[in-house]
Amino acid sequence: MRVIAPQPGILDIALYQGGASHIDGVTDVLKLSSNENPFGPSGPATEAVQAAAVNLHRYPSIDHAPVRAAIADVHGLDPDRIIMGVGSDEILSLLALCYAGEGDEVLYTEHGFSIYPIVARAAGATPVVAQEKDRVVDVDAVLGAITGETRLIYIANPANPTGTMLPMSELARLADGVPESCLLVLDGAYAEFVDGYDGGASLVEARNNVVMTRTFSKIYGLGGLRVGWGYAPRAIIDVLNRVRGPFNMSLLALAGAEAAVRDTDFVDTCRRVNTEERARLTGGLRQMGIACDDSFANFVLARFGDEAEATAAEAYFKTQGILVRLVKGYGFPEALRITVGRPEDVTRVLDAMAEFRGMV
């Protein structure tokens, strides 16, 4: 008798590990482990979700036209080239499902977001890793790793968990080197934290094989609603919509996202505070002898002398009611990823780190 088994590659997928959210016995937890907006969602977004709740018995729209129009209006894009997803993760997964399969390769960089190999294996494709250079995407290494079997290249910019970023000139050089038989996917989950950065939208509009993804989980503070979007050539959007679930987006998610994207004042304020507090956090850590690259996101990767010190620091932070993220799974056993919080949160982190450094 044949035994029911999953498709090849599925059991090779390592389960995704999210940031911790609680500490046993502690009620006043400062959660800086998941890169969430410390200010939460905007007032208009919350009000829109509450107003929509009275219609929970109704199905949501299947074309998501109002929120696509809002995104297009704010970002100056073509609404017909926008697709909505249950977080940008769903769009990353749909791209792999539609454009990669058995015998194909999916390329990403050595410290890239852990969802990339997951969606590759789920589609039956082979994940391939390109080396980074000093924790920054190495364009030459990526181009050198492309083969005739490469179908997708996932690049996060700014990157997670490093926070580093390629300038547009390097992104354009990468796009120029990608063959027409391959899609370059620019994951812009943290794009809104970089003033003036379009997340790669201009590259999408100039080429037939570039896709941009974005999320409402970070600067918009809607991680609990699971909303993401993608921008791509119309032919690719048409393909993705053929496999996307017709009711993939909830009524509440659509209402919250539409209000959130139009609240540009809230986004501007969050970006400004993040920039200021990120600089203060980075500078404070460096003064204590803790290495940090310049981050372009809403977190800082703090690198210690070794894994033991990083583990001890994370444990000490827990005793102070602070949750940060060990990132050993991303190739940094000696590092902690620390979300940039409110001014008072950053002060609390720096004080705790100073106390820890004084103990070791």
Protein backbone atom coordinates (compact mmCIF):
# COMPACT_ATOMS: atom_id res chain seq x y z
CA MET A 1 0.00 0.00 0.00
CA ARG A 2 1.31 3.40 -0.94
CA VAL A 3 1.88 5.75 1.98
CA ILE A 4 0.58 9.31 1.65
CA ALA A 5 3.57 11.65 1.60
CA PRO A 6 4.12 15.35 0.94
CA GLN A 7 5.72 16.60 -2.22
CA PRO A 8 9.54 16.39 -2.38
CA GLY A 9 11.21 19.26 -0.55
CA ILE A 10 8.36 19.99 1.86
CA LEU A 11 9.91 18.12 4.79
CA ASP A 12 13.18 19.98 4.15
CA ILE A 13 11.49 23.25 5.11
CA ALA A 14 12.60 24.59 8.48
CA LEU A 15 9.65 26.00 10.40
CA TYR A 16 9.57 29.79 10.42
CA GLN A 17 10.53 31.27 13.78
CA GLY A 18 8.84 34.53 14.78
CA GLY A 19 9.99 36.96 17.44
CA ALA A 20 9.09 36.13 21.04
CA SER A 21 6.10 38.01 22.46
CA HIS A 22 6.06 37.25 26.18
CA ILE A 23 8.28 36.61 29.18
CA ASP A 24 7.05 34.25 31.87
CA GLY A 25 6.12 36.15 35.01
CA VAL A 26 6.54 39.59 33.44
CA THR A 27 3.56 41.81 32.59
CA ASP A 28 5.30 45.02 31.48
CA VAL A 29 7.12 43.56 28.47
CA LEU A 30 8.87 45.83 25.99
CA LYS A 31 8.64 43.84 22.76
CA LEU A 32 11.44 44.78 20.37
CA SER A 33 11.75 41.39 18.68
CA SER A 34 9.49 41.67 15.62
CA ASN A 35 10.17 45.12 14.09
CA GLU A 36 6.65 46.34 14.81
CA ASN A 37 5.69 50.00 14.85
CA PRO A 38 5.94 51.02 18.54
CA PHE A 39 3.20 53.61 17.99
CA GLY A 40 0.73 51.02 16.66
CA PRO A 41 -1.64 51.83 13.78
CA SER A 42 -2.82 55.31 12.95
CA GLY A 43 -6.09 56.63 14.35
CA PRO A 44 -7.86 56.66 10.96
CA ALA A 45 -6.80 53.05 10.32
CA THR A 46 -8.19 51.92 13.66
CA GLU A 47 -11.43 53.82 13.10
CA ALA A 48 -11.83 52.33 9.63
CA VAL A 49 -11.44 48.80 10.99
CA GLN A 50 -13.96 49.47 13.74
CA ALA A 51 -16.45 50.90 11.25
CA ALA A 52 -16.04 47.91 8.95
CA ALA A 53 -16.65 45.44 11.78
CA VAL A 54 -20.43 45.95 11.59
CA ASN A 55 -20.36 44.28 8.14
CA LEU A 56 -18.52 41.11 9.14
CA HIS A 57 -21.38 39.05 7.68
CA ARG A 58 -20.55 40.40 4.21
CA TYR A 59 -17.93 38.99 1.87
CA PRO A 60 -15.09 41.36 1.00
CA SER A 61 -14.49 42.52 -2.55
CA ILE A 62 -12.43 40.24 -4.74
CA ASP A 63 -10.76 42.96 -6.82
CA HIS A 64 -9.61 45.14 -3.88
CA ALA A 65 -10.17 48.18 -6.10
CA PRO A 66 -10.51 50.87 -3.38
CA VAL A 67 -7.28 50.01 -1.59
CA ARG A 68 -5.39 49.51 -4.85
CA ALA A 69 -6.58 52.95 -5.94
CA ALA A 70 -5.42 54.44 -2.63
CA ILE A 71 -1.98 52.87 -2.94
CA ALA A 72 -1.69 54.04 -6.54
CA ASP A 73 -2.76 57.56 -5.60
CA VAL A 74 -0.28 57.90 -2.74
CA HIS A 75 2.67 56.32 -4.55
CA GLY A 76 1.95 57.51 -8.09
CA LEU A 77 1.49 54.01 -9.52
CA ASP A 78 -0.83 52.22 -11.95
CA PRO A 79 -3.59 50.52 -9.90
CA ASP A 80 -3.99 47.81 -12.54
CA ARG A 81 -0.44 46.66 -11.80
CA ILE A 82 -1.04 46.26 -8.05
CA ILE A 83 -1.98 43.01 -6.31
CA MET A 84 -3.01 42.63 -2.67
CA GLY A 85 -1.89 39.76 -0.49
CA VAL A 86 -2.18 38.35 3.01
CA GLY A 87 1.03 40.10 3.96
CA SER A 88 3.75 40.42 1.35
CA ASP A 89 4.61 36.80 2.25
CA GLU A 90 1.62 35.60 0.23
CA ILE A 91 2.81 37.46 -2.85
CA LEU A 92 6.34 36.08 -2.46
CA SER A 93 4.79 32.62 -2.24
CA LEU A 94 2.52 33.15 -5.25
CA LEU A 95 5.50 34.23 -7.33
CA ALA A 96 7.33 31.00 -6.50
CA LEU A 97 4.23 28.91 -7.12
CA CYS A 98 3.64 30.50 -10.53
CA TYR A 99 7.19 30.85 -11.83
CA ALA A 100 9.33 28.12 -10.23
CA GLY A 101 9.06 24.37 -9.96
CA GLU A 102 10.95 21.12 -10.08
CA GLY A 103 14.34 21.58 -11.73
CA ASP A 104 14.28 25.35 -11.26
CA GLU A 105 16.39 27.44 -8.90
CA VAL A 106 15.40 30.30 -6.61
CA LEU A 107 18.26 32.62 -5.67
CA TYR A 108 18.61 34.75 -2.53
CA THR A 109 21.49 36.06 -0.43
CA GLU A 110 23.14 34.41 2.57
CA HIS A 111 21.47 36.55 5.23
CA GLY A 112 18.20 36.93 3.32
CA PHE A 113 14.71 36.69 4.82
CA SER A 114 14.00 33.10 5.87
CA ILE A 115 10.72 32.98 3.93
CA TYR A 116 12.63 32.81 0.62
CA PRO A 117 13.88 29.21 0.89
CA ILE A 118 10.50 28.22 2.35
CA VAL A 119 8.52 29.38 -0.68
CA ALA A 120 11.14 27.95 -3.03
CA ARG A 121 10.91 24.46 -1.53
CA ALA A 122 7.11 24.67 -1.29
CA ALA A 123 7.04 25.23 -5.06
CA GLY A 124 9.38 22.27 -5.65
CA ALA A 125 12.32 24.46 -6.65
CA THR A 126 15.88 24.43 -5.31
CA PRO A 127 17.01 27.34 -3.10
CA VAL A 128 20.43 28.75 -4.00
CA VAL A 129 22.42 31.12 -1.80
CA ALA A 130 24.68 33.95 -3.01
CA GLN A 131 27.26 35.29 -0.58
CA GLU A 132 27.03 38.82 0.81
CA LYS A 133 29.93 41.19 1.35
CA ASP A 134 30.25 42.74 4.80
CA ARG A 135 26.55 42.05 5.44
CA VAL A 136 25.47 43.86 2.26
CA VAL A 137 24.02 42.26 -0.88
CA ASP A 138 26.87 41.69 -3.33
CA VAL A 139 25.52 42.38 -6.82
CA ASP A 140 28.43 40.64 -8.52
CA ALA A 141 27.95 37.53 -6.37
CA VAL A 142 24.24 37.43 -7.19
CA LEU A 143 24.85 37.84 -10.91
CA GLY A 144 27.55 35.18 -10.75
CA ALA A 145 25.17 32.71 -9.12
CA ILE A 146 22.56 32.96 -11.89
CA THR A 147 22.30 29.83 -14.02
CA GLY A 148 20.07 28.69 -16.84
CA GLU A 149 17.77 27.20 -14.19
CA THR A 150 17.35 30.40 -12.14
CA ARG A 151 13.74 31.58 -12.25
CA LEU A 152 13.43 33.91 -9.25
CA ILE A 153 15.80 36.18 -7.34
CA TYR A 154 14.61 37.55 -4.00
CA ILE A 155 16.39 40.66 -2.74
CA ALA A 156 15.26 42.55 0.39
CA ASN A 157 16.18 46.23 0.31
CA PRO A 158 16.62 47.40 3.04
CA ALA A 159 17.61 43.93 4.18
CA ASN A 160 16.46 41.95 7.20
CA PRO A 161 18.16 41.27 9.63
CA THR A 162 21.14 43.43 8.66
CA GLY A 163 19.33 46.70 7.93
CA THR A 164 21.81 47.42 5.14
CA MET A 165 20.75 48.73 1.76
CA LEU A 166 21.83 48.83 -1.87
CA PRO A 167 21.66 52.23 -3.59
CA MET A 168 19.44 52.55 -6.65
CA SER A 169 22.46 52.52 -8.94
CA GLU A 170 23.40 49.03 -7.70
CA LEU A 171 19.80 47.81 -7.88
CA ALA A 172 19.65 49.01 -11.49
CA ARG A 173 22.94 47.25 -12.26
CA LEU A 174 21.50 44.06 -10.80
CA ALA A 175 18.30 44.40 -12.81
CA ASP A 176 20.30 45.02 -15.98
CA GLY A 177 22.17 41.75 -15.45
CA VAL A 178 19.16 39.53 -14.80
CA PRO A 179 18.17 37.52 -17.90
CA GLU A 180 14.65 37.83 -19.31
CA SER A 181 13.96 34.22 -18.26
CA CYS A 182 14.22 35.20 -14.60
CA LEU A 183 12.21 37.44 -12.27
CA LEU A 184 13.94 39.87 -9.92
CA VAL A 185 11.76 40.35 -6.83
CA LEU A 186 12.54 43.42 -4.70
CA ASP A 187 11.19 42.89 -1.20
CA GLY A 188 10.52 46.39 0.16
CA ALA A 189 9.07 45.56 3.57
CA TYR A 190 11.15 48.37 5.10
CA ALA A 191 11.12 50.76 2.13
CA GLU A 192 8.94 53.35 3.88
CA PHE A 193 11.66 53.98 6.46
CA VAL A 194 13.92 55.41 3.74
CA ASP A 195 12.88 58.93 2.79
CA GLY A 196 12.56 59.32 -0.98
CA TYR A 197 13.05 55.63 -1.80
CA ASP A 198 10.42 54.16 -4.14
CA GLY A 199 11.14 50.55 -3.21
CA GLY A 200 12.10 49.74 -6.78
CA ALA A 201 8.88 50.90 -8.45
CA SER A 202 10.80 52.76 -11.14
CA LEU A 203 12.67 49.57 -12.02
CA VAL A 204 9.37 47.68 -12.28
CA GLU A 205 8.05 50.25 -14.73
CA ALA A 206 11.21 50.18 -16.84
CA ARG A 207 11.49 46.38 -17.19
CA ASN A 208 9.37 43.31 -17.88
CA ASN A 209 10.94 41.05 -15.27
CA VAL A 210 11.08 43.09 -12.04
CA VAL A 211 8.51 42.83 -9.23
CA MET A 212 8.26 44.92 -6.06
CA THR A 213 6.56 43.78 -2.84
CA ARG A 214 5.57 45.95 0.13
CA THR A 215 3.84 45.42 3.47
CA PHE A 216 1.51 47.18 5.89
CA SER A 217 3.04 45.27 8.83
CA LYS A 218 5.91 47.65 9.56
CA ILE A 219 5.55 51.43 9.38
CA TYR A 220 1.75 51.25 9.07
CA GLY A 221 1.44 49.15 12.23
CA LEU A 222 -1.01 46.64 10.76
CA GLY A 223 0.88 43.40 11.33
CA GLY A 224 -2.16 41.86 12.99
CA LEU A 225 -4.32 42.40 9.89
CA ARG A 226 -1.86 40.75 7.47
CA VAL A 227 -1.83 43.07 4.46
CA GLY A 228 0.78 43.30 1.73
CA TRP A 229 0.90 44.36 -1.88
CA GLY A 230 2.94 43.90 -5.00
CA TYR A 231 3.68 45.98 -8.08
CA ALA A 232 4.59 44.24 -11.32
CA PRO A 233 4.12 44.23 -15.09
CA ARG A 234 0.47 43.63 -15.97
CA ALA A 235 1.20 40.21 -17.47
CA ILE A 236 2.66 39.03 -14.15
CA ILE A 237 -0.25 40.51 -12.17
CA ASP A 238 -2.63 38.62 -14.45
CA VAL A 239 -0.82 35.35 -13.72
CA LEU A 240 -0.80 35.89 -9.96
CA ASN A 241 -4.48 36.80 -9.87
CA ARG A 242 -5.32 33.49 -11.55
CA VAL A 243 -4.03 31.54 -8.55
CA ARG A 244 -4.73 34.03 -5.78
CA GLY A 245 -7.68 33.12 -3.61
CA PRO A 246 -10.60 35.35 -4.63
CA PHE A 247 -11.37 36.28 -1.01
CA ASN A 248 -7.79 36.31 0.28
CA MET A 249 -8.17 39.74 1.89
CA SER A 250 -10.57 40.24 4.79
CA LEU A 251 -13.03 43.11 5.02
CA LEU A 252 -11.17 44.51 8.04
CA ALA A 253 -7.77 44.25 6.36
CA LEU A 254 -8.93 46.13 3.27
CA ALA A 255 -10.56 48.90 5.30
CA GLY A 256 -7.56 49.35 7.58
CA ALA A 257 -5.07 49.36 4.72
CA GLU A 258 -6.97 51.92 2.67
CA ALA A 259 -7.15 54.34 5.60
CA ALA A 260 -3.56 53.69 6.65
CA VAL A 261 -1.96 54.36 3.27
CA ARG A 262 -3.80 57.68 2.97
CA ASP A 263 -2.62 58.85 6.40
CA THR A 264 0.68 60.18 5.08
CA ASP A 265 1.21 62.51 8.04
CA PHE A 266 1.33 59.50 10.38
CA VAL A 267 3.84 57.75 8.13
CA ASP A 268 6.02 60.86 7.94
CA THR A 269 6.02 61.18 11.73
CA CYS A 270 6.89 57.53 12.25
CA ARG A 271 9.72 57.76 9.73
CA ARG A 272 11.14 60.88 11.36
CA VAL A 273 11.05 59.44 14.90
CA ASN A 274 12.51 56.15 13.70
CA THR A 275 15.39 57.94 11.96
CA GLU A 276 16.19 59.98 15.06
CA GLU A 277 15.94 57.10 17.54
CA ARG A 278 17.76 54.66 15.25
CA ALA A 279 20.70 57.05 15.17
CA ARG A 280 20.62 57.38 18.95
CA LEU A 281 20.44 53.62 19.45
CA THR A 282 23.24 52.96 16.95
CA GLY A 283 25.46 55.64 18.46
CA GLY A 284 24.86 54.46 22.00
CA LEU A 285 25.67 50.86 21.16
CA ARG A 286 28.85 51.86 19.34
CA GLN A 287 29.99 53.91 22.33
CA MET A 288 29.77 50.70 24.36
CA GLY A 289 31.97 48.88 21.87
CA ILE A 290 29.14 46.98 20.17
CA ALA A 291 29.47 46.87 16.40
CA CYS A 292 26.53 48.09 14.31
CA ASP A 293 26.20 48.73 10.60
CA ASP A 294 24.27 51.81 9.50
CA SER A 295 20.66 50.62 9.34
CA PHE A 296 18.05 51.87 6.88
CA ALA A 297 15.17 50.00 8.53
CA ASN A 298 13.44 50.15 11.92
CA PHE A 299 15.93 47.94 13.71
CA VAL A 300 19.62 47.69 14.46
CA LEU A 301 21.77 44.55 14.27
CA ALA A 302 24.03 44.65 17.32
CA ARG A 303 27.09 42.41 16.92
CA PHE A 304 28.92 41.17 20.03
CA GLY A 305 32.29 39.51 20.43
CA ASP A 306 30.89 35.99 20.20
CA GLU A 307 27.76 33.87 20.46
CA ALA A 308 28.08 33.42 24.22
CA GLU A 309 28.04 37.19 24.84
CA ALA A 310 25.05 37.71 22.55
CA THR A 311 23.13 34.92 24.27
CA ALA A 312 23.98 36.34 27.71
CA ALA A 313 22.86 39.82 26.63
CA GLU A 314 19.53 38.50 25.34
CA ALA A 315 19.00 36.64 28.62
CA TYR A 316 19.82 39.74 30.67
CA PHE A 317 17.40 41.83 28.62
CA LYS A 318 14.65 39.37 29.51
CA THR A 319 15.34 39.92 33.20
CA GLN A 320 14.69 43.61 32.50
CA GLY A 321 11.43 42.88 30.70
CA ILE A 322 12.86 43.57 27.22
CA LEU A 323 12.49 41.20 24.27
CA VAL A 324 15.03 41.41 21.44
CA ARG A 325 15.82 38.85 18.73
CA LEU A 326 18.63 36.33 18.55
CA VAL A 327 19.38 35.83 14.85
CA LYS A 328 21.55 32.73 14.81
CA GLY A 329 19.30 31.25 12.14
CA TYR A 330 20.23 34.11 9.82
CA GLY A 331 23.93 33.41 10.15
CA PHE A 332 24.63 35.79 13.03
CA PRO A 333 25.09 33.72 16.21
CA GLU A 334 26.97 36.67 17.74
CA ALA A 335 24.22 39.23 17.13
CA LEU A 336 20.94 40.60 18.43
CA ARG A 337 18.38 42.38 16.28
CA ILE A 338 16.82 45.23 18.23
CA THR A 339 13.71 47.03 16.99
CA VAL A 340 13.85 50.82 17.23
CA GLY A 341 11.17 51.85 19.71
CA ARG A 342 9.83 55.11 21.09
CA PRO A 343 12.34 57.52 22.65
CA GLU A 344 11.67 56.11 26.11
CA ASP A 345 12.09 52.56 24.76
CA VAL A 346 15.49 53.36 23.28
CA THR A 347 16.57 54.90 26.57
CA ARG A 348 15.48 51.73 28.38
CA VAL A 349 17.44 49.55 25.94
CA LEU A 350 20.61 51.62 26.22
CA ASP A 351 20.39 51.67 30.01
CA ALA A 352 19.95 47.89 30.13
CA MET A 353 22.82 47.37 27.71
CA ALA A 354 25.09 49.61 29.80
CA GLU A 355 24.20 47.59 32.87
CA PHE A 356 24.92 44.35 31.04
CA ARG A 357 28.26 45.59 29.71
CA GLY A 358 29.20 46.64 33.20
CA MET A 359 28.62 43.08 34.40
CA VAL A 360 30.76 41.28 31.82
